Amino acid sequence: MLASEEFIIKICGITTEADALMCVSQGANAIGFVFAPSIRQMVPGEARDIVKRLPEDVTAVGVFRNEDKIRVIEIAEEVGLTAVQLHGLESVDEIAFLRDFIPTVIKALPAESGELGLFDHSHADFLLLDGENPGSGESHDWGPLGRNYLRTPIVAAGGLTPFNVGQVARSLPVRGVDVSTGVESGPGRKDPELVADFIRAARQGYAERLPSIGNYPQSEEDQ
């Protein structure tokens, strides 16, 4: 289960055991498996075999999009997922329902979504702020994120690479980063050098931000 106080480095779109273990060895603390239609889509049985090999302190995250909530729970139990990431039109009520069965629920939204406030007061453990086309590797405007001080911990995604993740981790109020395409040599194939560079840059950026975290503006409810 993801701890809200740790800095999350999630490598998503994993399709092979070798890639999963390589990412963990480089320092990733969350591994993502896509169960929505995608070139990186996994079947539960294959993902389960990989999850069995992951260290206990690494979180296995299942990515879903508009999947029936009962089916999400079934896949989570079959695979051994301890977190699910929802990229569709899931409601606040659906998140609350899933939260009773799954330790960590992450709600993904476009960074400029008008629903950030709504889901900030839901049962989601994290909000993942992405681009309009998740998994595409397309970047987006990070400006709004710098102006949104939400109560729910934020994970940044969308267009992240080893070359820009350090700046994101350093300058924005995020609790983690999520990457897929930005560390690939081909669809679904993670490049060890890119993964290592990404994780190193993310950790360094976050470490440089630590002294200033207490200076972030508080929400009105926290004041």
C-alpha atoms as a PDB file:
ATOM      1  CA  MET A   1       0.000   0.000   0.000  1.00  0.00           C
ATOM      2  CA  LEU A   2       1.263   3.466  -0.855  1.00  0.00           C
ATOM      3  CA  ALA A   3       2.044   5.658   2.125  1.00  0.00           C
ATOM      4  CA  SER A   4       0.927   9.251   1.680  1.00  0.00           C
ATOM      5  CA  GLU A   5       4.104  10.530   3.345  1.00  0.00           C
ATOM      6  CA  GLU A   6       6.589   8.850   0.995  1.00  0.00           C
ATOM      7  CA  PHE A   7       7.597  10.179  -2.399  1.00  0.00           C
ATOM      8  CA  ILE A   8       6.108   7.866  -4.989  1.00  0.00           C
ATOM      9  CA  ILE A   9       7.968   6.867  -8.127  1.00  0.00           C
ATOM     10  CA  LYS A  10       5.641   4.751 -10.239  1.00  0.00           C
ATOM     11  CA  ILE A  11       6.672   3.079 -13.468  1.00  0.00           C
ATOM     12  CA  CYS A  12       3.513   2.247 -15.388  1.00  0.00           C
ATOM     13  CA  GLY A  13       2.692   0.116 -18.400  1.00  0.00           C
ATOM     14  CA  ILE A  14       4.786  -2.833 -17.252  1.00  0.00           C
ATOM     15  CA  THR A  15       4.368  -5.879 -19.498  1.00  0.00           C
ATOM     16  CA  THR A  16       7.177  -8.245 -18.475  1.00  0.00           C
ATOM     17  CA  GLU A  17       8.624  -9.638 -15.271  1.00  0.00           C
ATOM     18  CA  ALA A  18      12.114  -8.586 -16.326  1.00  0.00           C
ATOM     19  CA  ASP A  19      11.035  -4.962 -16.697  1.00  0.00           C
ATOM     20  CA  ALA A  20       9.197  -4.992 -13.382  1.00  0.00           C
ATOM     21  CA  LEU A  21      12.179  -6.330 -11.462  1.00  0.00           C
ATOM     22  CA  MET A  22      14.554  -3.990 -13.269  1.00  0.00           C
ATOM     23  CA  CYS A  23      12.446  -0.972 -12.303  1.00  0.00           C
ATOM     24  CA  VAL A  24      12.319  -2.113  -8.683  1.00  0.00           C
ATOM     25  CA  SER A  25      16.073  -2.649  -8.607  1.00  0.00           C
ATOM     26  CA  GLN A  26      16.515   0.947  -9.804  1.00  0.00           C
ATOM     27  CA  GLY A  27      14.362   2.264  -6.959  1.00  0.00           C
ATOM     28  CA  ALA A  28      10.748   2.382  -8.161  1.00  0.00           C
ATOM     29  CA  ASN A  29       8.330   1.871  -5.273  1.00  0.00           C
ATOM     30  CA  ALA A  30       5.200   1.394  -7.379  1.00  0.00           C
ATOM     31  CA  ILE A  31       4.650  -0.690 -10.508  1.00  0.00           C
ATOM     32  CA  GLY A  32       1.646  -0.135 -12.767  1.00  0.00           C
ATOM     33  CA  PHE A  33      -0.241  -2.714 -14.830  1.00  0.00           C
ATOM     34  CA  VAL A  34      -2.771  -1.556 -17.424  1.00  0.00           C
ATOM     35  CA  PHE A  35      -6.053  -3.471 -17.577  1.00  0.00           C
ATOM     36  CA  ALA A  36      -7.806  -0.971 -19.842  1.00  0.00           C
ATOM     37  CA  PRO A  37      -7.636  -1.250 -23.651  1.00  0.00           C
ATOM     38  CA  SER A  38      -4.072  -0.301 -24.593  1.00  0.00           C
ATOM     39  CA  ILE A  39      -1.014  -1.629 -26.391  1.00  0.00           C
ATOM     40  CA  ARG A  40       0.291  -2.260 -22.872  1.00  0.00           C
ATOM     41  CA  GLN A  41      -2.837  -4.050 -21.655  1.00  0.00           C
ATOM     42  CA  MET A  42      -2.213  -7.080 -19.440  1.00  0.00           C
ATOM     43  CA  VAL A  43      -4.397 -10.058 -18.656  1.00  0.00           C
ATOM     44  CA  PRO A  44      -4.833 -10.748 -14.940  1.00  0.00           C
ATOM     45  CA  GLY A  45      -3.029 -14.085 -14.958  1.00  0.00           C
ATOM     46  CA  GLU A  46       0.148 -12.653 -16.479  1.00  0.00           C
ATOM     47  CA  ALA A  47       0.120  -9.694 -14.112  1.00  0.00           C
ATOM     48  CA  ARG A  48      -0.408 -11.996 -11.126  1.00  0.00           C
ATOM     49  CA  ASP A  49       2.728 -13.959 -11.979  1.00  0.00           C
ATOM     50  CA  ILE A  50       4.742 -10.732 -12.014  1.00  0.00           C
ATOM     51  CA  VAL A  51       3.224  -9.349  -8.808  1.00  0.00           C
ATOM     52  CA  LYS A  52       4.228 -12.516  -6.961  1.00  0.00           C
ATOM     53  CA  ARG A  53       7.863 -11.632  -7.651  1.00  0.00           C
ATOM     54  CA  LEU A  54       7.678  -8.070  -6.364  1.00  0.00           C
ATOM     55  CA  PRO A  55       9.099  -7.170  -2.933  1.00  0.00           C
ATOM     56  CA  GLU A  56       6.471  -6.572  -0.256  1.00  0.00           C
ATOM     57  CA  ASP A  57       7.318  -2.881  -0.008  1.00  0.00           C
ATOM     58  CA  VAL A  58       6.573  -2.282  -3.702  1.00  0.00           C
ATOM     59  CA  THR A  59       2.984  -1.367  -4.536  1.00  0.00           C
ATOM     60  CA  ALA A  60       1.277  -3.121  -7.447  1.00  0.00           C
ATOM     61  CA  VAL A  61      -1.149  -0.701  -9.101  1.00  0.00           C
ATOM     62  CA  GLY A  62      -3.874  -1.696 -11.536  1.00  0.00           C
ATOM     63  CA  VAL A  63      -4.943   0.904 -14.099  1.00  0.00           C
ATOM     64  CA  PHE A  64      -8.607   0.837 -15.140  1.00  0.00           C
ATOM     65  CA  ARG A  65     -10.869   2.972 -17.292  1.00  0.00           C
ATOM     66  CA  ASN A  66     -14.661   2.834 -16.886  1.00  0.00           C
ATOM     67  CA  GLU A  67     -14.486  -0.765 -15.662  1.00  0.00           C
ATOM     68  CA  ASP A  68     -17.347  -2.208 -13.615  1.00  0.00           C
ATOM     69  CA  LYS A  69     -16.468  -1.704  -9.952  1.00  0.00           C
ATOM     70  CA  ILE A  70     -17.107  -5.336  -9.059  1.00  0.00           C
ATOM     71  CA  ARG A  71     -14.784  -6.439 -11.848  1.00  0.00           C
ATOM     72  CA  VAL A  72     -12.115  -4.027 -10.566  1.00  0.00           C
ATOM     73  CA  ILE A  73     -12.310  -5.709  -7.163  1.00  0.00           C
ATOM     74  CA  GLU A  74     -12.174  -9.178  -8.727  1.00  0.00           C
ATOM     75  CA  ILE A  75      -9.058  -8.342 -10.744  1.00  0.00           C
ATOM     76  CA  ALA A  76      -7.409  -6.677  -7.757  1.00  0.00           C
ATOM     77  CA  GLU A  77      -7.945  -9.796  -5.661  1.00  0.00           C
ATOM     78  CA  GLU A  78      -6.842 -12.169  -8.427  1.00  0.00           C
ATOM     79  CA  VAL A  79      -3.672 -10.251  -9.253  1.00  0.00           C
ATOM     80  CA  GLY A  80      -2.745  -9.158  -5.741  1.00  0.00           C
ATOM     81  CA  LEU A  81      -3.089  -5.438  -6.384  1.00  0.00           C
ATOM     82  CA  THR A  82      -2.897  -3.144  -3.382  1.00  0.00           C
ATOM     83  CA  ALA A  83      -3.838  -0.025  -5.349  1.00  0.00           C
ATOM     84  CA  VAL A  84      -6.066   0.844  -8.287  1.00  0.00           C
ATOM     85  CA  GLN A  85      -5.846   3.872 -10.558  1.00  0.00           C
ATOM     86  CA  LEU A  86      -9.073   5.031 -12.182  1.00  0.00           C
ATOM     87  CA  HIS A  87      -8.859   6.908 -15.491  1.00  0.00           C
ATOM     88  CA  GLY A  88     -12.482   6.955 -16.539  1.00  0.00           C
ATOM     89  CA  LEU A  89     -15.732   8.597 -15.495  1.00  0.00           C
ATOM     90  CA  GLU A  90     -15.797   6.953 -12.090  1.00  0.00           C
ATOM     91  CA  SER A  91     -17.910   8.831  -9.568  1.00  0.00           C
ATOM     92  CA  VAL A  92     -17.188   9.879  -6.012  1.00  0.00           C
ATOM     93  CA  ASP A  93     -19.579   7.141  -4.845  1.00  0.00           C
ATOM     94  CA  GLU A  94     -17.729   4.479  -6.849  1.00  0.00           C
ATOM     95  CA  ILE A  95     -14.441   5.573  -5.297  1.00  0.00           C
ATOM     96  CA  ALA A  96     -15.966   5.298  -1.830  1.00  0.00           C
ATOM     97  CA  PHE A  97     -17.243   1.800  -2.667  1.00  0.00           C
ATOM     98  CA  LEU A  98     -13.871   0.602  -3.952  1.00  0.00           C
ATOM     99  CA  ARG A  99     -12.080   2.116  -0.968  1.00  0.00           C
ATOM    100  CA  ASP A 100     -13.836  -0.435   1.276  1.00  0.00           C
ATOM    101  CA  PHE A 101     -12.179  -3.299  -0.626  1.00  0.00           C
ATOM    102  CA  ILE A 102      -8.866  -1.952  -1.916  1.00  0.00           C
ATOM    103  CA  PRO A 103      -6.217  -0.310   0.319  1.00  0.00           C
ATOM    104  CA  THR A 104      -5.352   2.564  -2.034  1.00  0.00           C
ATOM    105  CA  VAL A 105      -7.510   4.264  -4.663  1.00  0.00           C
ATOM    106  CA  ILE A 106      -5.973   6.784  -7.073  1.00  0.00           C
ATOM    107  CA  LYS A 107      -8.254   8.967  -9.170  1.00  0.00           C
ATOM    108  CA  ALA A 108      -6.712  10.236 -12.410  1.00  0.00           C
ATOM    109  CA  LEU A 109      -7.869  13.538 -13.868  1.00  0.00           C
ATOM    110  CA  PRO A 110      -6.622  15.997 -16.483  1.00  0.00           C
ATOM    111  CA  ALA A 111      -4.430  18.590 -14.784  1.00  0.00           C
ATOM    112  CA  GLU A 112      -6.832  21.352 -15.825  1.00  0.00           C
ATOM    113  CA  SER A 113     -10.020  19.455 -14.928  1.00  0.00           C
ATOM    114  CA  GLY A 114     -12.860  21.427 -13.400  1.00  0.00           C
ATOM    115  CA  GLU A 115     -13.585  18.446 -11.149  1.00  0.00           C
ATOM    116  CA  LEU A 116     -10.417  18.672  -9.057  1.00  0.00           C
ATOM    117  CA  GLY A 117     -12.305  20.245  -6.175  1.00  0.00           C
ATOM    118  CA  LEU A 118     -14.992  17.558  -6.263  1.00  0.00           C
ATOM    119  CA  PHE A 119     -12.572  14.650  -6.125  1.00  0.00           C
ATOM    120  CA  ASP A 120     -10.328  16.437  -3.635  1.00  0.00           C
ATOM    121  CA  HIS A 121     -13.099  15.797  -1.110  1.00  0.00           C
ATOM    122  CA  SER A 122     -13.736  12.197  -2.149  1.00  0.00           C
ATOM    123  CA  HIS A 123     -12.337   8.993  -0.681  1.00  0.00           C
ATOM    124  CA  ALA A 124      -9.439   8.938  -3.155  1.00  0.00           C
ATOM    125  CA  ASP A 125      -6.071   8.519  -1.463  1.00  0.00           C
ATOM    126  CA  PHE A 126      -4.250  10.306  -4.292  1.00  0.00           C
ATOM    127  CA  LEU A 127      -5.143  12.440  -7.294  1.00  0.00           C
ATOM    128  CA  LEU A 128      -3.055  11.682 -10.373  1.00  0.00           C
ATOM    129  CA  LEU A 129      -2.975  14.717 -12.633  1.00  0.00           C
ATOM    130  CA  ASP A 130      -2.332  13.695 -16.230  1.00  0.00           C
ATOM    131  CA  GLY A 131      -2.674  14.985 -19.767  1.00  0.00           C
ATOM    132  CA  GLU A 132      -5.787  14.638 -21.900  1.00  0.00           C
ATOM    133  CA  ASN A 133      -4.474  11.380 -23.442  1.00  0.00           C
ATOM    134  CA  PRO A 134      -3.021   9.199 -20.652  1.00  0.00           C
ATOM    135  CA  GLY A 135      -0.165   6.944 -21.704  1.00  0.00           C
ATOM    136  CA  SER A 136       0.527   8.928 -24.866  1.00  0.00           C
ATOM    137  CA  GLY A 137       3.671  10.584 -23.555  1.00  0.00           C
ATOM    138  CA  GLU A 138       2.227  13.976 -24.476  1.00  0.00           C
ATOM    139  CA  SER A 139       3.230  16.782 -22.142  1.00  0.00           C
ATOM    140  CA  HIS A 140       0.857  19.413 -20.811  1.00  0.00           C
ATOM    141  CA  ASP A 141       0.831  22.718 -18.982  1.00  0.00           C
ATOM    142  CA  TRP A 142       2.015  22.239 -15.407  1.00  0.00           C
ATOM    143  CA  GLY A 143       1.130  25.820 -14.479  1.00  0.00           C
ATOM    144  CA  PRO A 144      -2.307  25.064 -12.988  1.00  0.00           C
ATOM    145  CA  LEU A 145      -0.807  22.379 -10.764  1.00  0.00           C
ATOM    146  CA  GLY A 146       1.517  24.922  -9.228  1.00  0.00           C
ATOM    147  CA  ARG A 147      -1.512  27.031  -8.292  1.00  0.00           C
ATOM    148  CA  ASN A 148      -3.684  24.202  -6.932  1.00  0.00           C
ATOM    149  CA  TYR A 149      -3.041  23.408  -3.296  1.00  0.00           C
ATOM    150  CA  LEU A 150      -5.346  20.453  -2.800  1.00  0.00           C
ATOM    151  CA  ARG A 151      -5.786  18.489   0.391  1.00  0.00           C
ATOM    152  CA  THR A 152      -5.389  15.151  -1.392  1.00  0.00           C
ATOM    153  CA  PRO A 153      -1.774  14.188  -2.233  1.00  0.00           C
ATOM    154  CA  ILE A 154      -0.983  14.726  -5.911  1.00  0.00           C
ATOM    155  CA  VAL A 155       0.931  12.456  -8.286  1.00  0.00           C
ATOM    156  CA  ALA A 156       2.160  14.116 -11.489  1.00  0.00           C
ATOM    157  CA  ALA A 157       1.936  12.294 -14.824  1.00  0.00           C
ATOM    158  CA  GLY A 158       1.853  13.032 -18.525  1.00  0.00           C
ATOM    159  CA  GLY A 159       4.887  13.705 -20.679  1.00  0.00           C
ATOM    160  CA  LEU A 160       7.414  13.116 -17.911  1.00  0.00           C
ATOM    161  CA  THR A 161      10.937  12.087 -18.935  1.00  0.00           C
ATOM    162  CA  PRO A 162      14.345  11.863 -17.265  1.00  0.00           C
ATOM    163  CA  PHE A 163      14.946  15.393 -18.570  1.00  0.00           C
ATOM    164  CA  ASN A 164      11.974  17.171 -16.975  1.00  0.00           C
ATOM    165  CA  VAL A 165      10.954  15.081 -13.958  1.00  0.00           C
ATOM    166  CA  GLY A 166      13.548  16.677 -11.704  1.00  0.00           C
ATOM    167  CA  GLN A 167      12.070  20.114 -12.295  1.00  0.00           C
ATOM    168  CA  VAL A 168       8.544  18.841 -11.647  1.00  0.00           C
ATOM    169  CA  ALA A 169       9.546  17.113  -8.405  1.00  0.00           C
ATOM    170  CA  ARG A 170      11.536  20.152  -7.311  1.00  0.00           C
ATOM    171  CA  SER A 171       9.116  22.953  -8.114  1.00  0.00           C
ATOM    172  CA  LEU A 172       5.588  21.574  -7.795  1.00  0.00           C
ATOM    173  CA  PRO A 173       3.631  20.416  -4.719  1.00  0.00           C
ATOM    174  CA  VAL A 174       3.492  16.757  -5.749  1.00  0.00           C
ATOM    175  CA  ARG A 175       3.811  13.622  -3.644  1.00  0.00           C
ATOM    176  CA  GLY A 176       4.931  11.457  -6.526  1.00  0.00           C
ATOM    177  CA  VAL A 177       5.550  11.032 -10.248  1.00  0.00           C
ATOM    178  CA  ASP A 178       4.276   8.487 -12.757  1.00  0.00           C
ATOM    179  CA  VAL A 179       5.857   7.571 -16.090  1.00  0.00           C
ATOM    180  CA  SER A 180       5.317   5.062 -18.874  1.00  0.00           C
ATOM    181  CA  THR A 181       6.252   6.195 -22.386  1.00  0.00           C
ATOM    182  CA  GLY A 182       9.017   8.483 -21.134  1.00  0.00           C
ATOM    183  CA  VAL A 183      11.227   5.560 -20.096  1.00  0.00           C
ATOM    184  CA  GLU A 184      10.536   3.211 -23.006  1.00  0.00           C
ATOM    185  CA  SER A 185      12.667   2.010 -25.884  1.00  0.00           C
ATOM    186  CA  GLY A 186       9.475   0.754 -27.557  1.00  0.00           C
ATOM    187  CA  PRO A 187       5.807   0.260 -26.614  1.00  0.00           C
ATOM    188  CA  GLY A 188       5.699  -1.661 -23.340  1.00  0.00           C
ATOM    189  CA  ARG A 189       9.484  -2.104 -23.164  1.00  0.00           C
ATOM    190  CA  LYS A 190      11.272  -0.149 -20.456  1.00  0.00           C
ATOM    191  CA  ASP A 191      14.810   1.067 -21.084  1.00  0.00           C
ATOM    192  CA  PRO A 192      17.084   0.426 -18.058  1.00  0.00           C
ATOM    193  CA  GLU A 193      19.159   3.552 -18.620  1.00  0.00           C
ATOM    194  CA  LEU A 194      16.120   5.793 -18.994  1.00  0.00           C
ATOM    195  CA  VAL A 195      14.505   4.248 -15.917  1.00  0.00           C
ATOM    196  CA  ALA A 196      17.652   4.787 -13.847  1.00  0.00           C
ATOM    197  CA  ASP A 197      18.005   8.383 -15.039  1.00  0.00           C
ATOM    198  CA  PHE A 198      14.322   9.097 -14.375  1.00  0.00           C
ATOM    199  CA  ILE A 199      14.381   7.751 -10.832  1.00  0.00           C
ATOM    200  CA  ARG A 200      17.640   9.500 -10.020  1.00  0.00           C
ATOM    201  CA  ALA A 201      16.346  12.844 -11.294  1.00  0.00           C
ATOM    202  CA  ALA A 202      13.014  12.469  -9.498  1.00  0.00           C
ATOM    203  CA  ARG A 203      14.629  11.666  -6.163  1.00  0.00           C
ATOM    204  CA  GLN A 204      17.132  14.483  -6.503  1.00  0.00           C
ATOM    205  CA  GLY A 205      14.419  16.988  -7.398  1.00  0.00           C
ATOM    206  CA  TYR A 206      12.278  15.968  -4.443  1.00  0.00           C
ATOM    207  CA  ALA A 207      15.245  16.083  -2.063  1.00  0.00           C
ATOM    208  CA  GLU A 208      15.981  19.635  -3.164  1.00  0.00           C
ATOM    209  CA  ARG A 209      12.349  20.594  -2.496  1.00  0.00           C
ATOM    210  CA  LEU A 210      12.175  19.140   1.023  1.00  0.00           C
ATOM    211  CA  PRO A 211      13.428  22.252   2.880  1.00  0.00           C
ATOM    212  CA  SER A 212      10.680  24.395   1.332  1.00  0.00           C
ATOM    213  CA  ILE A 213       7.717  22.035   1.715  1.00  0.00           C
ATOM    214  CA  GLY A 214       6.602  23.725   4.911  1.00  0.00           C
ATOM    215  CA  ASN A 215       6.366  27.029   3.063  1.00  0.00           C
ATOM    216  CA  TYR A 216       3.627  25.976   0.624  1.00  0.00           C
ATOM    217  CA  PRO A 217       0.407  27.993   0.984  1.00  0.00           C
ATOM    218  CA  GLN A 218      -2.252  26.201   3.007  1.00  0.00           C
ATOM    219  CA  SER A 219      -5.820  25.670   1.938  1.00  0.00           C
ATOM    220  CA  GLU A 220      -8.459  27.682   3.786  1.00  0.00           C
ATOM    221  CA  GLU A 221      -9.518  24.534   5.652  1.00  0.00           C
ATOM    222  CA  ASP A 222      -5.985  24.055   6.986  1.00  0.00           C
ATOM    223  CA  GLN A 223      -5.616  27.608   8.249  1.00  0.00           C
END
